[in-house]
N, C-alpha and C. Protein backbone atom coordinates (compact mmCIF):
# COMPACT_ATOMS: atom_id res chain seq x y z
N MET A 1 0.86 -1.22 0.17
CA MET A 1 0.21 0.03 0.14
C MET A 1 0.95 1.29 0.08
N ILE A 2 1.81 1.24 0.81
CA ILE A 2 2.75 2.32 0.94
C ILE A 2 3.30 2.70 -0.49
N SER A 3 3.99 1.48 -1.22
CA SER A 3 4.66 1.85 -2.24
C SER A 3 3.89 2.42 -3.30
N LYS A 4 2.31 1.96 -3.51
CA LYS A 4 1.62 2.39 -4.27
C LYS A 4 1.09 4.13 -4.23
N ALA A 5 1.35 4.42 -2.97
CA ALA A 5 0.74 5.89 -2.46
C ALA A 5 2.18 6.82 -2.83
N ILE A 6 3.45 6.10 -2.92
CA ILE A 6 4.42 7.11 -3.01
C ILE A 6 4.80 6.86 -4.55
N VAL A 7 4.36 5.83 -5.36
CA VAL A 7 4.53 5.81 -6.72
C VAL A 7 3.92 6.93 -7.44
N THR A 8 2.61 7.28 -6.97
CA THR A 8 1.72 8.39 -7.63
C THR A 8 2.43 9.66 -7.18
N LEU A 9 2.70 9.93 -5.99
CA LEU A 9 3.42 11.07 -5.33
C LEU A 9 4.63 11.35 -6.37
N ALA A 10 5.55 10.32 -6.31
CA ALA A 10 6.71 10.63 -6.98
C ALA A 10 6.72 10.78 -8.44
N SER A 11 5.71 10.00 -8.98
CA SER A 11 5.54 10.31 -10.47
C SER A 11 4.68 11.47 -10.76
N LEU A 12 4.06 12.22 -10.07
CA LEU A 12 3.06 13.40 -10.58
C LEU A 12 3.55 14.78 -9.75
N LEU A 13 4.69 14.72 -9.26
CA LEU A 13 5.08 15.72 -8.35
C LEU A 13 5.58 16.78 -9.50
N LEU A 14 4.89 17.90 -9.42
CA LEU A 14 5.39 18.84 -10.55
C LEU A 14 6.07 19.89 -9.62
N ILE A 15 7.52 20.08 -10.17
CA ILE A 15 8.45 20.78 -9.35
C ILE A 15 8.74 21.98 -10.13
N PRO A 16 8.48 23.35 -9.32
CA PRO A 16 8.50 24.60 -10.00
C PRO A 16 10.05 24.95 -10.23
N ALA A 17 10.28 26.17 -10.63
CA ALA A 17 11.48 26.66 -11.31
C ALA A 17 12.73 26.53 -10.56
N ALA A 18 12.69 26.34 -8.94
CA ALA A 18 13.90 26.11 -8.26
C ALA A 18 14.44 24.74 -8.54
N LEU A 19 13.74 23.79 -9.20
CA LEU A 19 14.22 22.60 -9.70
C LEU A 19 14.06 22.15 -10.98
N ALA A 20 13.38 23.24 -11.91
CA ALA A 20 13.30 23.00 -13.22
C ALA A 20 14.49 23.27 -13.94
N ALA A 21 15.66 22.42 -13.78
CA ALA A 21 16.84 22.63 -14.42
C ALA A 21 17.01 21.42 -15.09
N PRO A 22 18.13 20.73 -14.96
CA PRO A 22 18.59 19.49 -15.65
C PRO A 22 17.54 18.53 -15.21
N ALA A 23 17.36 17.14 -16.12
CA ALA A 23 16.64 16.22 -15.63
C ALA A 23 17.04 15.55 -14.50
N ASP A 24 18.26 15.30 -14.31
CA ASP A 24 18.98 14.80 -13.03
C ASP A 24 18.63 15.58 -11.77
N ASP A 25 18.50 16.86 -11.77
CA ASP A 25 18.08 17.52 -10.61
C ASP A 25 16.74 17.17 -10.12
N VAL A 26 15.94 17.06 -11.08
CA VAL A 26 14.42 16.71 -10.75
C VAL A 26 14.20 15.45 -10.27
N SER A 27 14.97 14.34 -10.80
CA SER A 27 15.14 13.04 -10.13
C SER A 27 15.67 13.04 -8.80
N ASN A 28 16.75 13.80 -8.84
CA ASN A 28 17.44 14.01 -7.40
C ASN A 28 16.64 14.27 -6.13
N ALA A 29 15.65 15.40 -6.53
CA ALA A 29 14.69 16.04 -5.69
C ALA A 29 13.70 14.82 -5.22
N ILE A 30 13.18 14.18 -6.09
CA ILE A 30 12.31 13.10 -5.97
C ILE A 30 12.89 11.87 -5.02
N HIS A 31 14.22 11.71 -5.39
CA HIS A 31 14.93 10.59 -4.60
C HIS A 31 15.15 11.09 -3.27
N GLN A 32 15.29 12.29 -3.17
CA GLN A 32 15.65 12.98 -1.62
C GLN A 32 14.46 12.78 -0.80
N PHE A 33 13.17 13.14 -1.64
CA PHE A 33 12.11 12.90 -0.95
C PHE A 33 11.71 11.48 -0.13
N ILE A 34 11.94 10.56 -1.17
CA ILE A 34 11.76 9.03 -0.94
C ILE A 34 12.85 8.66 -0.05
N ASP A 35 13.97 8.94 0.07
CA ASP A 35 14.87 8.76 1.01
C ASP A 35 14.53 9.21 2.37
N ALA A 36 14.30 10.36 2.24
CA ALA A 36 13.94 11.02 3.67
C ALA A 36 12.63 10.42 4.33
N PHE A 37 11.73 10.16 3.48
CA PHE A 37 10.35 9.37 3.89
C PHE A 37 10.99 7.90 4.34
N ASN A 38 11.84 7.33 3.75
CA ASN A 38 12.20 5.85 4.17
C ASN A 38 12.71 5.92 5.46
N SER A 39 13.78 7.04 5.70
CA SER A 39 14.32 7.13 7.04
C SER A 39 13.50 7.81 8.10
N GLY A 40 12.26 8.20 7.97
CA GLY A 40 11.53 8.70 8.92
C GLY A 40 11.89 10.10 9.23
N ASP A 41 12.73 10.83 8.39
CA ASP A 41 13.25 12.20 8.85
C ASP A 41 12.56 13.20 8.44
N ALA A 42 11.53 13.69 9.18
CA ALA A 42 10.41 14.65 8.76
C ALA A 42 10.91 16.11 8.27
N LYS A 43 12.03 16.50 9.02
CA LYS A 43 12.94 17.74 8.35
C LYS A 43 13.38 17.58 7.21
N ALA A 44 13.89 16.52 6.83
CA ALA A 44 14.54 16.16 5.48
C ALA A 44 13.36 15.88 4.50
N VAL A 45 12.12 15.33 4.81
CA VAL A 45 11.21 15.51 3.92
C VAL A 45 10.73 16.88 3.50
N ASP A 46 10.73 17.76 4.66
CA ASP A 46 10.27 19.13 4.47
C ASP A 46 11.20 19.80 3.52
N ALA A 47 12.31 19.35 3.52
CA ALA A 47 13.59 20.16 2.84
C ALA A 47 13.44 19.68 1.54
N ALA A 48 12.88 18.61 1.03
CA ALA A 48 12.72 17.88 -0.20
C ALA A 48 11.85 18.60 -1.07
N TYR A 49 10.74 19.25 -0.46
CA TYR A 49 9.62 19.90 -1.18
C TYR A 49 10.09 21.18 -1.78
N ALA A 50 9.78 21.36 -2.91
CA ALA A 50 10.13 22.38 -3.52
C ALA A 50 9.41 23.73 -3.13
N ALA A 51 10.07 24.97 -3.16
CA ALA A 51 9.44 26.08 -2.89
C ALA A 51 8.28 26.58 -3.77
N GLY A 52 7.43 27.34 -3.34
CA GLY A 52 6.46 27.72 -4.45
C GLY A 52 5.34 26.58 -4.65
N SER A 53 4.37 26.90 -5.67
CA SER A 53 3.13 26.00 -5.76
C SER A 53 3.69 24.62 -6.17
N VAL A 54 3.23 23.64 -5.83
CA VAL A 54 3.42 22.35 -6.01
C VAL A 54 2.06 21.42 -5.98
N SER A 55 2.06 20.48 -6.98
CA SER A 55 0.92 19.75 -7.03
C SER A 55 1.29 18.29 -6.91
N ILE A 56 0.43 17.71 -6.02
CA ILE A 56 0.57 16.37 -5.65
C ILE A 56 -0.75 15.47 -6.06
N THR A 57 -0.59 14.45 -6.75
CA THR A 57 -1.80 13.39 -6.76
C THR A 57 -1.56 11.98 -6.25
N ASP A 58 -2.25 11.53 -5.38
CA ASP A 58 -2.12 10.24 -4.88
C ASP A 58 -3.35 9.46 -4.80
N GLU A 59 -3.29 8.15 -4.45
CA GLU A 59 -4.51 7.36 -4.21
C GLU A 59 -5.39 7.41 -2.99
N PHE A 60 -5.26 8.30 -2.33
CA PHE A 60 -6.07 8.36 -1.13
C PHE A 60 -6.67 9.87 -1.05
N ALA A 61 -7.81 9.77 -0.44
CA ALA A 61 -8.52 11.23 -0.44
C ALA A 61 -7.74 12.14 0.34
N PRO A 62 -7.82 13.40 0.02
CA PRO A 62 -8.67 14.06 -1.17
C PRO A 62 -7.95 13.94 -2.62
N TYR A 63 -6.98 13.00 -2.64
CA TYR A 63 -6.49 12.81 -4.07
C TYR A 63 -5.79 13.75 -4.74
N ARG A 64 -5.90 14.97 -4.41
CA ARG A 64 -4.91 15.92 -5.04
C ARG A 64 -4.69 17.11 -4.27
N TRP A 65 -3.36 17.52 -4.09
CA TRP A 65 -3.12 18.82 -3.32
C TRP A 65 -2.34 19.70 -3.95
N THR A 66 -2.68 20.96 -4.04
CA THR A 66 -1.76 21.84 -4.73
C THR A 66 -1.68 23.18 -3.79
N GLY A 67 -0.79 23.80 -4.35
CA GLY A 67 -0.11 25.03 -3.82
C GLY A 67 1.07 25.11 -3.01
N PRO A 68 1.37 26.21 -2.24
CA PRO A 68 2.70 26.19 -1.67
C PRO A 68 2.78 25.31 -0.50
N HIS A 69 1.59 24.89 0.05
CA HIS A 69 1.65 24.07 1.40
C HIS A 69 1.18 22.65 1.21
N ALA A 70 1.19 22.22 -0.14
CA ALA A 70 0.64 20.94 -0.63
C ALA A 70 1.24 19.73 -0.09
N GLY A 71 2.74 19.90 0.04
CA GLY A 71 3.43 18.73 0.76
C GLY A 71 3.16 18.46 2.15
N HIS A 72 2.77 19.44 2.85
CA HIS A 72 2.45 19.35 4.44
C HIS A 72 1.17 18.56 4.20
N ALA A 73 0.16 19.37 3.52
CA ALA A 73 -1.10 18.89 3.43
C ALA A 73 -1.29 17.33 3.08
N TRP A 74 -0.37 16.92 1.98
CA TRP A 74 -0.45 15.58 1.78
C TRP A 74 0.01 14.77 2.84
N ALA A 75 0.99 15.29 3.50
CA ALA A 75 1.64 14.31 4.62
C ALA A 75 0.73 14.39 5.66
N ALA A 76 -0.02 14.99 6.08
CA ALA A 76 -1.30 15.08 7.24
C ALA A 76 -2.37 14.08 6.67
N ALA A 77 -2.52 13.98 5.13
CA ALA A 77 -3.77 13.16 4.76
C ALA A 77 -2.91 11.67 4.60
N TYR A 78 -1.71 11.68 4.41
CA TYR A 78 -1.27 10.20 4.33
C TYR A 78 -1.03 9.79 5.72
N ASP A 79 -0.62 10.49 6.94
CA ASP A 79 -0.87 9.91 8.19
C ASP A 79 -2.21 9.43 8.55
N LYS A 80 -3.17 10.40 8.10
CA LYS A 80 -4.73 9.89 8.49
C LYS A 80 -4.88 8.48 7.83
N HIS A 81 -4.58 8.51 6.49
CA HIS A 81 -4.85 7.38 5.59
C HIS A 81 -4.04 6.15 6.17
N ALA A 82 -3.03 6.23 6.49
CA ALA A 82 -2.06 5.15 7.11
C ALA A 82 -2.64 4.88 8.36
N GLN A 83 -3.07 5.55 9.26
CA GLN A 83 -3.51 5.01 10.80
C GLN A 83 -4.96 4.46 10.22
N ALA A 84 -5.76 4.78 9.43
CA ALA A 84 -6.77 4.23 9.17
C ALA A 84 -6.85 2.84 8.45
N THR A 85 -5.65 2.75 7.88
CA THR A 85 -5.61 1.24 6.97
C THR A 85 -4.70 0.34 7.69
N GLY A 86 -4.06 0.93 8.68
CA GLY A 86 -3.07 -0.01 9.27
C GLY A 86 -1.53 -0.05 8.96
N VAL A 87 -1.27 0.91 8.15
CA VAL A 87 0.05 1.06 7.42
C VAL A 87 1.05 1.62 8.53
N SER A 88 2.30 0.97 8.63
CA SER A 88 3.29 1.43 9.53
C SER A 88 4.55 1.27 9.07
N ASP A 89 5.49 1.77 9.36
CA ASP A 89 6.84 1.73 8.91
C ASP A 89 6.95 1.65 7.39
N GLY A 90 6.54 2.50 6.67
CA GLY A 90 6.57 2.68 5.27
C GLY A 90 7.85 2.69 4.73
N ASN A 91 8.08 1.78 3.58
CA ASN A 91 9.52 2.04 2.89
C ASN A 91 9.32 1.87 1.63
N VAL A 92 9.96 2.71 0.71
CA VAL A 92 9.67 2.71 -0.76
C VAL A 92 10.89 2.47 -1.38
N LYS A 93 10.98 1.32 -2.42
CA LYS A 93 12.30 0.98 -3.07
C LYS A 93 11.77 1.50 -4.51
N TYR A 94 12.71 2.47 -5.15
CA TYR A 94 12.62 3.22 -6.39
C TYR A 94 13.69 2.61 -7.45
N SER A 95 13.32 2.82 -8.72
CA SER A 95 14.15 2.42 -9.78
C SER A 95 14.65 3.72 -10.29
N ASP A 96 15.28 3.68 -11.61
CA ASP A 96 15.70 5.00 -12.45
C ASP A 96 14.45 5.67 -12.84
N THR A 97 14.49 6.90 -13.05
CA THR A 97 13.60 7.87 -13.41
C THR A 97 13.27 7.42 -15.00
N THR A 98 12.11 7.08 -15.36
CA THR A 98 11.85 6.60 -16.66
C THR A 98 11.59 7.59 -17.63
N ARG A 99 11.11 8.86 -17.19
CA ARG A 99 10.65 9.75 -17.88
C ARG A 99 10.65 11.32 -17.24
N THR A 100 11.22 12.11 -17.80
CA THR A 100 11.34 13.43 -17.13
C THR A 100 11.08 14.56 -18.43
N GLU A 101 10.39 15.47 -17.88
CA GLU A 101 9.91 16.48 -19.02
C GLU A 101 10.14 18.00 -18.18
N VAL A 102 10.79 18.65 -18.81
CA VAL A 102 11.29 19.91 -18.24
C VAL A 102 10.76 20.92 -19.23
N ASP A 103 9.94 21.95 -18.75
CA ASP A 103 9.36 23.02 -19.67
C ASP A 103 9.35 24.21 -19.00
N GLY A 104 10.32 25.02 -19.35
CA GLY A 104 10.38 26.32 -18.58
C GLY A 104 10.38 26.37 -16.95
N ASN A 105 9.36 26.73 -16.04
CA ASN A 105 9.31 26.70 -14.75
C ASN A 105 8.77 25.37 -14.26
N TYR A 106 8.60 24.35 -14.92
CA TYR A 106 7.85 23.34 -14.44
C TYR A 106 8.53 21.99 -15.13
N ALA A 107 8.23 20.88 -13.95
CA ALA A 107 8.91 19.77 -14.36
C ALA A 107 7.84 18.55 -14.14
N TYR A 108 8.24 17.35 -14.89
CA TYR A 108 7.40 16.24 -14.65
C TYR A 108 8.22 15.09 -14.72
N ALA A 109 7.91 14.18 -13.72
CA ALA A 109 8.89 13.16 -13.51
C ALA A 109 8.19 11.85 -13.12
N VAL A 110 8.61 10.58 -13.76
CA VAL A 110 7.97 9.40 -13.62
C VAL A 110 9.27 8.59 -13.09
N VAL A 111 8.84 8.15 -11.68
CA VAL A 111 9.91 7.27 -11.05
C VAL A 111 9.16 6.01 -10.31
N PRO A 112 9.46 4.79 -11.12
CA PRO A 112 9.06 3.71 -10.95
C PRO A 112 9.16 3.18 -9.38
N THR A 113 8.35 2.74 -8.50
CA THR A 113 8.60 2.32 -7.14
C THR A 113 8.07 1.05 -6.93
N LEU A 114 8.51 0.35 -6.01
CA LEU A 114 7.87 -1.11 -5.59
C LEU A 114 7.26 -0.87 -4.37
């Protein structure tokens, strides 16, 4: 369950201008988020979120979070969902990024997870 939750998050995270540079920078930001999530390091998770408006889509309600506080709102909804479904000690394994699109101030990346 946790892997499915993160696969959507990681694959549909739109990263604003701060990270819309080379494709490797986009993948690195997503990997930083997943690594921080896996280690349970809330400060590192927060540091992985891009500044500015972010859009996150995931498989639990409310399914979409947008704006400058989307990351924190997603985390709160994830915690609520995890408690309701009995998910604990989430750990996500990921593969190499399979697609990265950078267009001006925006980026899109697909990072397969297990």
